[in-house]
Amino acid sequence: MNNQLSIVSRILVAFASGALIVVFFLPAWRIDLFAPQYPEGLTMNIWINGISGDVDVINGLNHYIGMKHITVAMFPEFRFLPYVVLFFMLLGVTVAITGKRKVLFLYLLLTLLGGLLAMYDFYQWGYDYGHNLDPKAPIQVPGLSYQPPLLGHKRLLNFDAYSLPGVGGWVVIAAGCLSFVVWFMEWYRHRKVSRRAAPAVAVVCIMLFLLNACSPASPEPFQPGKDFCTYCKMGISDTRYGGEVITRKGKTYKFDDLKCMISYMRMNDRKDNGLAQSWVVDFDQPNTFLKAQDASFLNGNTLKSPMGGNTAGFKTKAAAQAKIVDTSYVVLDWEAVQAKLK
């Protein structure tokens, strides 16, 4: 059995290991905090040897609930992480030079173990940061902890916290995925299922991954009983009204009434926070969304939306006109709705 990697596989592994150098120049992880008073969010970037971003602001806010002051000194990992990255780069180069499948297997095994250990270490830091609070803090809620999410989203008081890879982290993940794809290609090649199809499958996988990563943000369906209006803080229960705005950073804000949505947009337009997309609910198809500028609207006294905006969105002007029941009703476009509900 031939245990040597193909030339293509060796080049791909060399490319993947070389790409790790990116983490010396770009952050590996990021934590974003969003709240009504910070609509564009606060960001803490985590590098392999330091932190940056709105750390001072975050420290200023978190001290009220007794969380520790975030400093570089509280992360001893920063002292050796650059050497760990260099080790994996050299190991990848060794795979490319020797072309041995056993060395590639070792490379993948250590990559997987390293990733799991990194996440466990991050979880342990988050647990300590969110649970071991200063007993003399100005704000204390018995039994409440503030552990940030390990990966993804978590609600902490009035903040939405997001923990996701930074640009450097995504490069590391992509490099790791590429190395596993190489392993799959080699397995496929040696299994002799199809010597020609494996590269095509790998290319398709990579393209699908890149397309998914680049997909534009889209509105999120309301979850009655779980979602709250960003502006009025009321729970969202009637999915025939309201809408969502999405910022240029991809953050989504939900509103139970167009009146709340327009008030929020007007308030934040003055702050020039860069709202990118505006969506409204289609009254005829609850919990589905229309682009605000393409929709038609109906305002009438008996529509009875949650916060008194009494305005609903429709896919077409004819659909809006079909719901008119008395002379108080008027069909509007998006510009007119914003003027009426201001």
C-alpha atoms as a PDB file:
ATOM      1  CA  MET A   1       0.000   0.000   0.000  1.00  0.00           C
ATOM      2  CA  ASN A   2       1.400   3.389  -1.008  1.00  0.00           C
ATOM      3  CA  ASN A   3       1.550   5.622   2.079  1.00  0.00           C
ATOM      4  CA  GLN A   4       2.914   8.632   0.266  1.00  0.00           C
ATOM      5  CA  LEU A   5       0.776  11.731  -0.241  1.00  0.00           C
ATOM      6  CA  SER A   6       0.215  13.047  -3.727  1.00  0.00           C
ATOM      7  CA  ILE A   7       2.020  16.180  -4.858  1.00  0.00           C
ATOM      8  CA  VAL A   8      -1.273  18.116  -4.784  1.00  0.00           C
ATOM      9  CA  SER A   9      -1.948  17.042  -1.199  1.00  0.00           C
ATOM     10  CA  ARG A  10       1.540  18.035  -0.082  1.00  0.00           C
ATOM     11  CA  ILE A  11       1.150  21.473  -1.662  1.00  0.00           C
ATOM     12  CA  LEU A  12      -2.256  21.960   0.005  1.00  0.00           C
ATOM     13  CA  VAL A  13      -0.894  20.982   3.433  1.00  0.00           C
ATOM     14  CA  ALA A  14       2.036  23.358   2.956  1.00  0.00           C
ATOM     15  CA  PHE A  15      -0.398  26.124   2.019  1.00  0.00           C
ATOM     16  CA  ALA A  16      -2.640  25.392   5.027  1.00  0.00           C
ATOM     17  CA  SER A  17       0.244  25.404   7.494  1.00  0.00           C
ATOM     18  CA  GLY A  18       1.693  28.564   5.966  1.00  0.00           C
ATOM     19  CA  ALA A  19      -1.657  30.302   6.283  1.00  0.00           C
ATOM     20  CA  LEU A  20      -1.374  30.049  10.082  1.00  0.00           C
ATOM     21  CA  ILE A  21       1.017  32.987   9.989  1.00  0.00           C
ATOM     22  CA  VAL A  22      -2.085  35.179   9.652  1.00  0.00           C
ATOM     23  CA  VAL A  23      -2.792  34.873  13.394  1.00  0.00           C
ATOM     24  CA  PHE A  24       0.366  36.881  14.083  1.00  0.00           C
ATOM     25  CA  PHE A  25      -1.261  39.827  12.301  1.00  0.00           C
ATOM     26  CA  LEU A  26      -5.009  39.409  12.865  1.00  0.00           C
ATOM     27  CA  PRO A  27      -7.109  38.625  15.980  1.00  0.00           C
ATOM     28  CA  ALA A  28      -7.944  34.974  16.583  1.00  0.00           C
ATOM     29  CA  TRP A  29     -11.171  35.528  18.515  1.00  0.00           C
ATOM     30  CA  ARG A  30     -13.625  38.330  19.236  1.00  0.00           C
ATOM     31  CA  ILE A  31     -16.319  39.032  21.776  1.00  0.00           C
ATOM     32  CA  ASP A  32     -19.024  41.554  20.827  1.00  0.00           C
ATOM     33  CA  LEU A  33     -21.490  43.138  23.209  1.00  0.00           C
ATOM     34  CA  PHE A  34     -24.642  44.854  21.952  1.00  0.00           C
ATOM     35  CA  ALA A  35     -27.192  46.842  23.929  1.00  0.00           C
ATOM     36  CA  PRO A  36     -29.670  49.619  23.069  1.00  0.00           C
ATOM     37  CA  GLN A  37     -27.144  52.221  24.311  1.00  0.00           C
ATOM     38  CA  TYR A  38     -24.421  50.562  22.206  1.00  0.00           C
ATOM     39  CA  PRO A  39     -26.241  49.633  18.962  1.00  0.00           C
ATOM     40  CA  GLU A  40     -23.002  49.132  17.027  1.00  0.00           C
ATOM     41  CA  GLY A  41     -21.565  47.177  19.899  1.00  0.00           C
ATOM     42  CA  LEU A  42     -18.416  46.931  21.965  1.00  0.00           C
ATOM     43  CA  THR A  43     -15.691  44.601  20.760  1.00  0.00           C
ATOM     44  CA  MET A  44     -12.832  42.827  22.484  1.00  0.00           C
ATOM     45  CA  ASN A  45     -10.346  41.249  20.072  1.00  0.00           C
ATOM     46  CA  ILE A  46      -8.253  38.372  21.376  1.00  0.00           C
ATOM     47  CA  TRP A  47      -4.905  37.836  19.661  1.00  0.00           C
ATOM     48  CA  ILE A  48      -2.420  35.042  20.269  1.00  0.00           C
ATOM     49  CA  ASN A  49      -0.365  37.411  22.423  1.00  0.00           C
ATOM     50  CA  GLY A  50      -2.686  40.199  23.569  1.00  0.00           C
ATOM     51  CA  ILE A  51      -6.096  41.865  23.555  1.00  0.00           C
ATOM     52  CA  SER A  52      -7.416  45.000  21.883  1.00  0.00           C
ATOM     53  CA  GLY A  53     -10.645  46.867  21.166  1.00  0.00           C
ATOM     54  CA  ASP A  54     -13.072  48.454  23.604  1.00  0.00           C
ATOM     55  CA  VAL A  55     -11.490  46.749  26.597  1.00  0.00           C
ATOM     56  CA  ASP A  56     -11.430  49.865  28.789  1.00  0.00           C
ATOM     57  CA  VAL A  57     -15.135  50.544  28.184  1.00  0.00           C
ATOM     58  CA  ILE A  58     -16.012  46.906  28.893  1.00  0.00           C
ATOM     59  CA  ASN A  59     -13.963  46.982  32.103  1.00  0.00           C
ATOM     60  CA  GLY A  60     -15.733  50.192  33.133  1.00  0.00           C
ATOM     61  CA  LEU A  61     -19.152  48.593  32.679  1.00  0.00           C
ATOM     62  CA  ASN A  62     -18.318  45.203  34.175  1.00  0.00           C
ATOM     63  CA  HIS A  63     -16.838  46.597  37.345  1.00  0.00           C
ATOM     64  CA  TYR A  64     -20.363  47.531  38.489  1.00  0.00           C
ATOM     65  CA  ILE A  65     -21.306  43.838  38.663  1.00  0.00           C
ATOM     66  CA  GLY A  66     -17.989  42.791  40.176  1.00  0.00           C
ATOM     67  CA  MET A  67     -16.234  41.221  37.187  1.00  0.00           C
ATOM     68  CA  LYS A  68     -12.458  41.260  37.131  1.00  0.00           C
ATOM     69  CA  HIS A  69     -10.466  43.889  35.257  1.00  0.00           C
ATOM     70  CA  ILE A  70      -9.450  42.343  31.929  1.00  0.00           C
ATOM     71  CA  THR A  71      -5.720  42.690  31.314  1.00  0.00           C
ATOM     72  CA  VAL A  72      -3.097  40.872  29.266  1.00  0.00           C
ATOM     73  CA  ALA A  73      -1.591  39.596  32.522  1.00  0.00           C
ATOM     74  CA  MET A  74      -4.656  37.464  33.287  1.00  0.00           C
ATOM     75  CA  PHE A  75      -3.921  35.318  30.193  1.00  0.00           C
ATOM     76  CA  PRO A  76      -0.692  33.334  30.792  1.00  0.00           C
ATOM     77  CA  GLU A  77      -1.407  31.554  27.487  1.00  0.00           C
ATOM     78  CA  PHE A  78      -0.173  34.628  25.622  1.00  0.00           C
ATOM     79  CA  ARG A  79       3.393  33.737  26.626  1.00  0.00           C
ATOM     80  CA  PHE A  80       3.475  30.434  24.705  1.00  0.00           C
ATOM     81  CA  LEU A  81       0.705  30.584  22.076  1.00  0.00           C
ATOM     82  CA  PRO A  82       3.004  32.115  19.394  1.00  0.00           C
ATOM     83  CA  TYR A  83       5.342  29.115  19.859  1.00  0.00           C
ATOM     84  CA  VAL A  84       2.407  26.709  19.549  1.00  0.00           C
ATOM     85  CA  VAL A  85       1.446  28.285  16.217  1.00  0.00           C
ATOM     86  CA  LEU A  86       5.044  28.050  15.013  1.00  0.00           C
ATOM     87  CA  PHE A  87       5.118  24.371  16.029  1.00  0.00           C
ATOM     88  CA  PHE A  88       2.055  23.596  13.910  1.00  0.00           C
ATOM     89  CA  MET A  89       3.492  25.534  10.984  1.00  0.00           C
ATOM     90  CA  LEU A  90       6.704  23.510  11.153  1.00  0.00           C
ATOM     91  CA  LEU A  91       4.798  20.253  11.540  1.00  0.00           C
ATOM     92  CA  GLY A  92       2.742  21.086   8.453  1.00  0.00           C
ATOM     93  CA  VAL A  93       5.906  21.805   6.502  1.00  0.00           C
ATOM     94  CA  THR A  94       7.268  18.452   7.682  1.00  0.00           C
ATOM     95  CA  VAL A  95       4.161  16.730   6.295  1.00  0.00           C
ATOM     96  CA  ALA A  96       4.651  18.494   2.965  1.00  0.00           C
ATOM     97  CA  ILE A  97       8.355  17.603   2.743  1.00  0.00           C
ATOM     98  CA  THR A  98       8.137  13.979   3.845  1.00  0.00           C
ATOM     99  CA  GLY A  99       4.777  13.296   2.201  1.00  0.00           C
ATOM    100  CA  LYS A 100       4.017  10.595   4.749  1.00  0.00           C
ATOM    101  CA  ARG A 101       0.393   9.859   5.615  1.00  0.00           C
ATOM    102  CA  LYS A 102       1.336   8.913   9.179  1.00  0.00           C
ATOM    103  CA  VAL A 103       2.805  12.354   9.762  1.00  0.00           C
ATOM    104  CA  LEU A 104      -0.344  13.934   8.300  1.00  0.00           C
ATOM    105  CA  PHE A 105      -2.428  11.816  10.667  1.00  0.00           C
ATOM    106  CA  LEU A 106      -0.306  13.030  13.600  1.00  0.00           C
ATOM    107  CA  TYR A 107      -0.700  16.609  12.372  1.00  0.00           C
ATOM    108  CA  LEU A 108      -4.499  16.265  12.242  1.00  0.00           C
ATOM    109  CA  LEU A 109      -4.664  14.518  15.613  1.00  0.00           C
ATOM    110  CA  LEU A 110      -2.641  17.258  17.297  1.00  0.00           C
ATOM    111  CA  THR A 111      -4.708  19.919  15.507  1.00  0.00           C
ATOM    112  CA  LEU A 112      -7.921  18.391  16.849  1.00  0.00           C
ATOM    113  CA  LEU A 113      -6.530  18.036  20.380  1.00  0.00           C
ATOM    114  CA  GLY A 114      -5.148  21.573  20.275  1.00  0.00           C
ATOM    115  CA  GLY A 115      -8.518  22.971  19.225  1.00  0.00           C
ATOM    116  CA  LEU A 116     -10.356  21.109  21.995  1.00  0.00           C
ATOM    117  CA  LEU A 117      -7.821  22.185  24.619  1.00  0.00           C
ATOM    118  CA  ALA A 118      -8.064  25.797  23.465  1.00  0.00           C
ATOM    119  CA  MET A 119     -11.853  25.777  23.784  1.00  0.00           C
ATOM    120  CA  TYR A 120     -11.678  24.113  27.199  1.00  0.00           C
ATOM    121  CA  ASP A 121      -9.161  26.693  28.385  1.00  0.00           C
ATOM    122  CA  PHE A 122     -11.382  29.489  27.065  1.00  0.00           C
ATOM    123  CA  TYR A 123     -14.401  28.011  28.851  1.00  0.00           C
ATOM    124  CA  GLN A 124     -12.480  27.851  32.120  1.00  0.00           C
ATOM    125  CA  TRP A 125     -11.489  31.510  31.785  1.00  0.00           C
ATOM    126  CA  GLY A 126     -15.091  32.506  31.028  1.00  0.00           C
ATOM    127  CA  TYR A 127     -16.383  30.525  34.009  1.00  0.00           C
ATOM    128  CA  ASP A 128     -13.949  32.188  36.393  1.00  0.00           C
ATOM    129  CA  TYR A 129     -14.629  35.616  34.874  1.00  0.00           C
ATOM    130  CA  GLY A 130     -18.397  35.247  35.105  1.00  0.00           C
ATOM    131  CA  HIS A 131     -18.709  33.511  38.494  1.00  0.00           C
ATOM    132  CA  ASN A 132     -15.941  34.823  40.765  1.00  0.00           C
ATOM    133  CA  LEU A 133     -17.339  38.296  41.289  1.00  0.00           C
ATOM    134  CA  ASP A 134     -16.266  41.017  43.682  1.00  0.00           C
ATOM    135  CA  PRO A 135     -18.518  40.737  46.784  1.00  0.00           C
ATOM    136  CA  LYS A 136     -18.255  44.522  47.210  1.00  0.00           C
ATOM    137  CA  ALA A 137     -19.573  45.311  43.716  1.00  0.00           C
ATOM    138  CA  PRO A 138     -22.154  48.143  43.502  1.00  0.00           C
ATOM    139  CA  ILE A 139     -24.671  45.856  41.745  1.00  0.00           C
ATOM    140  CA  GLN A 140     -25.211  42.386  43.145  1.00  0.00           C
ATOM    141  CA  VAL A 141     -27.921  39.922  42.145  1.00  0.00           C
ATOM    142  CA  PRO A 142     -27.855  36.815  44.366  1.00  0.00           C
ATOM    143  CA  GLY A 143     -27.510  33.620  42.380  1.00  0.00           C
ATOM    144  CA  LEU A 144     -26.825  35.372  39.076  1.00  0.00           C
ATOM    145  CA  SER A 145     -23.608  34.794  37.114  1.00  0.00           C
ATOM    146  CA  TYR A 146     -22.354  36.420  33.926  1.00  0.00           C
ATOM    147  CA  GLN A 147     -20.301  33.775  32.166  1.00  0.00           C
ATOM    148  CA  PRO A 148     -19.817  34.860  28.538  1.00  0.00           C
ATOM    149  CA  PRO A 149     -20.746  32.370  25.791  1.00  0.00           C
ATOM    150  CA  LEU A 150     -18.057  29.941  24.701  1.00  0.00           C
ATOM    151  CA  LEU A 151     -19.268  30.120  21.110  1.00  0.00           C
ATOM    152  CA  GLY A 152     -22.290  31.955  19.767  1.00  0.00           C
ATOM    153  CA  HIS A 153     -24.814  34.159  21.554  1.00  0.00           C
ATOM    154  CA  LYS A 154     -25.935  34.639  25.130  1.00  0.00           C
ATOM    155  CA  ARG A 155     -28.105  37.266  26.825  1.00  0.00           C
ATOM    156  CA  LEU A 156     -26.392  38.920  29.827  1.00  0.00           C
ATOM    157  CA  LEU A 157     -28.704  41.435  31.525  1.00  0.00           C
ATOM    158  CA  ASN A 158     -29.542  43.964  28.770  1.00  0.00           C
ATOM    159  CA  PHE A 159     -26.509  42.985  26.663  1.00  0.00           C
ATOM    160  CA  ASP A 160     -26.430  40.509  23.792  1.00  0.00           C
ATOM    161  CA  ALA A 161     -22.993  38.871  23.964  1.00  0.00           C
ATOM    162  CA  TYR A 162     -21.490  37.132  20.933  1.00  0.00           C
ATOM    163  CA  SER A 163     -18.335  35.019  21.031  1.00  0.00           C
ATOM    164  CA  LEU A 164     -16.970  34.061  17.620  1.00  0.00           C
ATOM    165  CA  PRO A 165     -13.655  33.485  15.837  1.00  0.00           C
ATOM    166  CA  GLY A 166     -11.910  36.596  14.571  1.00  0.00           C
ATOM    167  CA  VAL A 167     -10.482  36.830  11.065  1.00  0.00           C
ATOM    168  CA  GLY A 168      -7.309  35.041  12.157  1.00  0.00           C
ATOM    169  CA  GLY A 169      -9.384  32.356  13.850  1.00  0.00           C
ATOM    170  CA  TRP A 170     -11.416  31.754  10.699  1.00  0.00           C
ATOM    171  CA  VAL A 171      -8.165  31.347   8.763  1.00  0.00           C
ATOM    172  CA  VAL A 172      -6.997  28.749  11.297  1.00  0.00           C
ATOM    173  CA  ILE A 173     -10.324  26.905  11.026  1.00  0.00           C
ATOM    174  CA  ALA A 174     -10.169  27.006   7.227  1.00  0.00           C
ATOM    175  CA  ALA A 175      -6.576  25.741   7.298  1.00  0.00           C
ATOM    176  CA  GLY A 176      -7.592  22.894   9.605  1.00  0.00           C
ATOM    177  CA  CYS A 177     -10.577  22.026   7.389  1.00  0.00           C
ATOM    178  CA  LEU A 178      -8.320  22.046   4.331  1.00  0.00           C
ATOM    179  CA  SER A 179      -5.942  19.608   6.023  1.00  0.00           C
ATOM    180  CA  PHE A 180      -8.848  17.300   6.857  1.00  0.00           C
ATOM    181  CA  VAL A 181     -10.049  17.595   3.263  1.00  0.00           C
ATOM    182  CA  VAL A 182      -6.581  16.491   2.166  1.00  0.00           C
ATOM    183  CA  TRP A 183      -6.847  13.496   4.445  1.00  0.00           C
ATOM    184  CA  PHE A 184     -10.248  12.683   2.952  1.00  0.00           C
ATOM    185  CA  MET A 185      -8.816  13.027  -0.562  1.00  0.00           C
ATOM    186  CA  GLU A 186      -5.998  10.675   0.276  1.00  0.00           C
ATOM    187  CA  TRP A 187      -8.326   8.182   1.897  1.00  0.00           C
ATOM    188  CA  TYR A 188     -10.568   8.365  -1.120  1.00  0.00           C
ATOM    189  CA  ARG A 189      -7.643   7.965  -3.504  1.00  0.00           C
ATOM    190  CA  HIS A 190      -6.255   4.965  -1.681  1.00  0.00           C
ATOM    191  CA  ARG A 191      -9.665   3.381  -1.437  1.00  0.00           C
ATOM    192  CA  LYS A 192      -9.727   3.606  -5.239  1.00  0.00           C
ATOM    193  CA  VAL A 193     -13.356   4.651  -5.282  1.00  0.00           C
ATOM    194  CA  SER A 194     -12.555   7.332  -7.774  1.00  0.00           C
ATOM    195  CA  ARG A 195      -9.167   8.890  -8.363  1.00  0.00           C
ATOM    196  CA  ARG A 196     -10.641  11.842 -10.247  1.00  0.00           C
ATOM    197  CA  ALA A 197     -13.602  12.730  -8.110  1.00  0.00           C
ATOM    198  CA  ALA A 198     -11.802  13.462  -4.837  1.00  0.00           C
ATOM    199  CA  PRO A 199     -10.265  16.808  -5.865  1.00  0.00           C
ATOM    200  CA  ALA A 200     -13.616  17.889  -7.287  1.00  0.00           C
ATOM    201  CA  VAL A 201     -15.379  16.969  -4.043  1.00  0.00           C
ATOM    202  CA  ALA A 202     -12.777  18.904  -2.076  1.00  0.00           C
ATOM    203  CA  VAL A 203     -13.178  21.963  -4.270  1.00  0.00           C
ATOM    204  CA  VAL A 204     -16.973  21.795  -3.936  1.00  0.00           C
ATOM    205  CA  CYS A 205     -16.674  21.525  -0.126  1.00  0.00           C
ATOM    206  CA  ILE A 206     -14.370  24.522   0.031  1.00  0.00           C
ATOM    207  CA  MET A 207     -16.618  26.566  -2.276  1.00  0.00           C
ATOM    208  CA  LEU A 208     -19.713  25.720  -0.208  1.00  0.00           C
ATOM    209  CA  PHE A 209     -17.858  26.710   2.954  1.00  0.00           C
ATOM    210  CA  LEU A 210     -16.782  30.030   1.457  1.00  0.00           C
ATOM    211  CA  LEU A 211     -20.246  30.756   0.038  1.00  0.00           C
ATOM    212  CA  ASN A 212     -21.854  30.061   3.401  1.00  0.00           C
ATOM    213  CA  ALA A 213     -19.331  32.327   5.164  1.00  0.00           C
ATOM    214  CA  CYS A 214     -20.025  35.151   2.711  1.00  0.00           C
ATOM    215  CA  SER A 215     -23.840  34.937   2.755  1.00  0.00           C
ATOM    216  CA  PRO A 216     -25.461  38.285   3.587  1.00  0.00           C
ATOM    217  CA  ALA A 217     -27.399  38.631   6.819  1.00  0.00           C
ATOM    218  CA  SER A 218     -31.150  38.035   6.539  1.00  0.00           C
ATOM    219  CA  PRO A 219     -34.085  38.604   8.903  1.00  0.00           C
ATOM    220  CA  GLU A 220     -34.662  36.091  11.690  1.00  0.00           C
ATOM    221  CA  PRO A 221     -38.198  34.776  12.330  1.00  0.00           C
ATOM    222  CA  PHE A 222     -39.797  36.008  15.554  1.00  0.00           C
ATOM    223  CA  GLN A 223     -39.923  33.548  18.433  1.00  0.00           C
ATOM    224  CA  PRO A 224     -43.112  34.452  20.357  1.00  0.00           C
ATOM    225  CA  GLY A 225     -42.549  34.220  24.087  1.00  0.00           C
ATOM    226  CA  LYS A 226     -38.752  34.455  23.716  1.00  0.00           C
ATOM    227  CA  ASP A 227     -38.065  37.580  21.660  1.00  0.00           C
ATOM    228  CA  PHE A 228     -38.421  41.095  23.002  1.00  0.00           C
ATOM    229  CA  CYS A 229     -38.855  44.383  21.160  1.00  0.00           C
ATOM    230  CA  THR A 230     -35.534  46.232  21.140  1.00  0.00           C
ATOM    231  CA  TYR A 231     -37.238  49.596  21.608  1.00  0.00           C
ATOM    232  CA  CYS A 232     -40.173  49.107  24.013  1.00  0.00           C
ATOM    233  CA  LYS A 233     -38.843  45.904  25.701  1.00  0.00           C
ATOM    234  CA  MET A 234     -42.241  44.196  25.438  1.00  0.00           C
ATOM    235  CA  GLY A 235     -42.368  40.526  24.534  1.00  0.00           C
ATOM    236  CA  ILE A 236     -43.183  39.835  20.896  1.00  0.00           C
ATOM    237  CA  SER A 237     -46.407  37.839  20.597  1.00  0.00           C
ATOM    238  CA  ASP A 238     -48.287  39.076  17.511  1.00  0.00           C
ATOM    239  CA  THR A 239     -46.211  38.104  14.478  1.00  0.00           C
ATOM    240  CA  ARG A 240     -48.397  40.049  12.003  1.00  0.00           C
ATOM    241  CA  TYR A 241     -46.789  43.377  12.892  1.00  0.00           C
ATOM    242  CA  GLY A 242     -43.372  44.902  13.405  1.00  0.00           C
ATOM    243  CA  GLY A 243     -40.095  44.377  11.630  1.00  0.00           C
ATOM    244  CA  GLU A 244     -36.335  44.119  11.954  1.00  0.00           C
ATOM    245  CA  VAL A 245     -33.291  46.228  11.193  1.00  0.00           C
ATOM    246  CA  ILE A 246     -29.878  44.735  10.466  1.00  0.00           C
ATOM    247  CA  THR A 247     -26.690  46.731  10.924  1.00  0.00           C
ATOM    248  CA  ARG A 248     -23.719  46.653   8.593  1.00  0.00           C
ATOM    249  CA  LYS A 249     -22.002  44.333  11.090  1.00  0.00           C
ATOM    250  CA  GLY A 250     -24.877  41.861  10.740  1.00  0.00           C
ATOM    251  CA  LYS A 251     -26.541  42.502  14.108  1.00  0.00           C
ATOM    252  CA  THR A 252     -30.337  42.058  14.011  1.00  0.00           C
ATOM    253  CA  TYR A 253     -32.775  44.119  16.110  1.00  0.00           C
ATOM    254  CA  LYS A 254     -36.406  43.033  16.393  1.00  0.00           C
ATOM    255  CA  PHE A 255     -39.495  45.220  16.929  1.00  0.00           C
ATOM    256  CA  ASP A 256     -43.078  44.308  17.773  1.00  0.00           C
ATOM    257  CA  ASP A 257     -44.543  47.397  16.074  1.00  0.00           C
ATOM    258  CA  LEU A 258     -43.495  49.590  13.145  1.00  0.00           C
ATOM    259  CA  LYS A 259     -43.857  52.569  15.470  1.00  0.00           C
ATOM    260  CA  CYS A 260     -41.077  51.149  17.691  1.00  0.00           C
ATOM    261  CA  MET A 261     -38.937  50.271  14.684  1.00  0.00           C
ATOM    262  CA  ILE A 262     -39.177  53.748  13.165  1.00  0.00           C
ATOM    263  CA  SER A 263     -38.518  55.433  16.521  1.00  0.00           C
ATOM    264  CA  TYR A 264     -35.411  53.287  16.964  1.00  0.00           C
ATOM    265  CA  MET A 265     -34.197  54.008  13.427  1.00  0.00           C
ATOM    266  CA  ARG A 266     -34.713  57.731  13.862  1.00  0.00           C
ATOM    267  CA  MET A 267     -32.900  57.734  17.204  1.00  0.00           C
ATOM    268  CA  ASN A 268     -29.921  55.841  15.805  1.00  0.00           C
ATOM    269  CA  ASP A 269     -29.809  57.675  12.485  1.00  0.00           C
ATOM    270  CA  ARG A 270     -28.924  60.731  14.522  1.00  0.00           C
ATOM    271  CA  LYS A 271     -25.995  58.754  15.887  1.00  0.00           C
ATOM    272  CA  ASP A 272     -25.042  57.618  12.363  1.00  0.00           C
ATOM    273  CA  ASN A 273     -24.683  54.024  13.520  1.00  0.00           C
ATOM    274  CA  GLY A 274     -24.924  52.586  10.015  1.00  0.00           C
ATOM    275  CA  LEU A 275     -28.177  50.653   9.832  1.00  0.00           C
ATOM    276  CA  ALA A 276     -27.919  48.614   6.661  1.00  0.00           C
ATOM    277  CA  GLN A 277     -31.244  46.824   6.097  1.00  0.00           C
ATOM    278  CA  SER A 278     -34.866  47.442   7.078  1.00  0.00           C
ATOM    279  CA  TRP A 279     -37.429  44.618   6.960  1.00  0.00           C
ATOM    280  CA  VAL A 280     -41.141  44.599   7.813  1.00  0.00           C
ATOM    281  CA  VAL A 281     -43.536  41.737   8.531  1.00  0.00           C
ATOM    282  CA  ASP A 282     -45.970  40.747   5.786  1.00  0.00           C
ATOM    283  CA  PHE A 283     -49.408  41.016   7.456  1.00  0.00           C
ATOM    284  CA  ASP A 284     -50.848  38.338   5.152  1.00  0.00           C
ATOM    285  CA  GLN A 285     -48.015  35.903   5.965  1.00  0.00           C
ATOM    286  CA  PRO A 286     -47.114  36.365   9.655  1.00  0.00           C
ATOM    287  CA  ASN A 287     -43.448  36.009  10.547  1.00  0.00           C
ATOM    288  CA  THR A 288     -42.270  36.443   6.967  1.00  0.00           C
ATOM    289  CA  PHE A 289     -40.467  39.599   5.974  1.00  0.00           C
ATOM    290  CA  LEU A 290     -40.468  42.129   3.140  1.00  0.00           C
ATOM    291  CA  LYS A 291     -37.877  44.760   2.347  1.00  0.00           C
ATOM    292  CA  ALA A 292     -39.326  47.950   3.793  1.00  0.00           C
ATOM    293  CA  GLN A 293     -38.703  50.080   0.716  1.00  0.00           C
ATOM    294  CA  ASP A 294     -40.489  47.513  -1.513  1.00  0.00           C
ATOM    295  CA  ALA A 295     -43.545  46.992   0.713  1.00  0.00           C
ATOM    296  CA  SER A 296     -46.903  48.787   0.811  1.00  0.00           C
ATOM    297  CA  PHE A 297     -48.462  49.752   4.125  1.00  0.00           C
ATOM    298  CA  LEU A 298     -51.924  50.184   5.552  1.00  0.00           C
ATOM    299  CA  ASN A 299     -52.657  52.462   8.481  1.00  0.00           C
ATOM    300  CA  GLY A 300     -56.074  52.280  10.150  1.00  0.00           C
ATOM    301  CA  ASN A 301     -57.663  52.722  13.550  1.00  0.00           C
ATOM    302  CA  THR A 302     -58.840  49.132  13.894  1.00  0.00           C
ATOM    303  CA  LEU A 303     -55.600  47.383  12.957  1.00  0.00           C
ATOM    304  CA  LYS A 304     -54.599  47.442  16.654  1.00  0.00           C
ATOM    305  CA  SER A 305     -50.891  46.745  16.474  1.00  0.00           C
ATOM    306  CA  PRO A 306     -49.155  46.093  19.848  1.00  0.00           C
ATOM    307  CA  MET A 307     -47.848  49.620  20.537  1.00  0.00           C
ATOM    308  CA  GLY A 308     -50.474  51.711  18.755  1.00  0.00           C
ATOM    309  CA  GLY A 309     -48.733  52.233  15.436  1.00  0.00           C
ATOM    310  CA  ASN A 310     -51.766  50.546  13.828  1.00  0.00           C
ATOM    311  CA  THR A 311     -49.796  50.033  10.634  1.00  0.00           C
ATOM    312  CA  ALA A 312     -49.102  46.794   8.779  1.00  0.00           C
ATOM    313  CA  GLY A 313     -46.922  45.847   5.830  1.00  0.00           C
ATOM    314  CA  PHE A 314     -48.121  44.124   2.658  1.00  0.00           C
ATOM    315  CA  LYS A 315     -46.407  42.647  -0.372  1.00  0.00           C
ATOM    316  CA  THR A 316     -48.401  44.740  -2.851  1.00  0.00           C
ATOM    317  CA  LYS A 317     -50.571  47.847  -2.859  1.00  0.00           C
ATOM    318  CA  ALA A 318     -53.547  45.746  -3.979  1.00  0.00           C
ATOM    319  CA  ALA A 319     -53.084  43.443  -0.972  1.00  0.00           C
ATOM    320  CA  ALA A 320     -53.112  46.458   1.338  1.00  0.00           C
ATOM    321  CA  GLN A 321     -56.207  47.949  -0.313  1.00  0.00           C
ATOM    322  CA  ALA A 322     -58.033  44.649   0.101  1.00  0.00           C
ATOM    323  CA  LYS A 323     -57.871  45.050   3.900  1.00  0.00           C
ATOM    324  CA  ILE A 324     -59.512  48.517   4.001  1.00  0.00           C
ATOM    325  CA  VAL A 325     -62.661  48.400   6.142  1.00  0.00           C
ATOM    326  CA  ASP A 326     -63.488  52.076   6.781  1.00  0.00           C
ATOM    327  CA  THR A 327     -62.588  55.614   5.792  1.00  0.00           C
ATOM    328  CA  SER A 328     -59.850  55.902   8.469  1.00  0.00           C
ATOM    329  CA  TYR A 329     -57.661  53.525   6.455  1.00  0.00           C
ATOM    330  CA  VAL A 330     -54.940  54.880   4.192  1.00  0.00           C
ATOM    331  CA  VAL A 331     -52.370  53.109   1.998  1.00  0.00           C
ATOM    332  CA  LEU A 332     -48.829  54.416   2.350  1.00  0.00           C
ATOM    333  CA  ASP A 333     -45.346  53.775   1.067  1.00  0.00           C
ATOM    334  CA  TRP A 334     -42.283  53.400   3.325  1.00  0.00           C
ATOM    335  CA  GLU A 335     -41.366  57.084   3.264  1.00  0.00           C
ATOM    336  CA  ALA A 336     -44.912  58.101   4.195  1.00  0.00           C
ATOM    337  CA  VAL A 337     -45.060  55.548   7.022  1.00  0.00           C
ATOM    338  CA  GLN A 338     -41.844  56.928   8.523  1.00  0.00           C
ATOM    339  CA  ALA A 339     -43.285  60.453   8.396  1.00  0.00           C
ATOM    340  CA  LYS A 340     -46.608  59.385   9.925  1.00  0.00           C
ATOM    341  CA  LEU A 341     -45.193  57.335  12.812  1.00  0.00           C
ATOM    342  CA  LYS A 342     -42.432  59.704  13.832  1.00  0.00           C
END
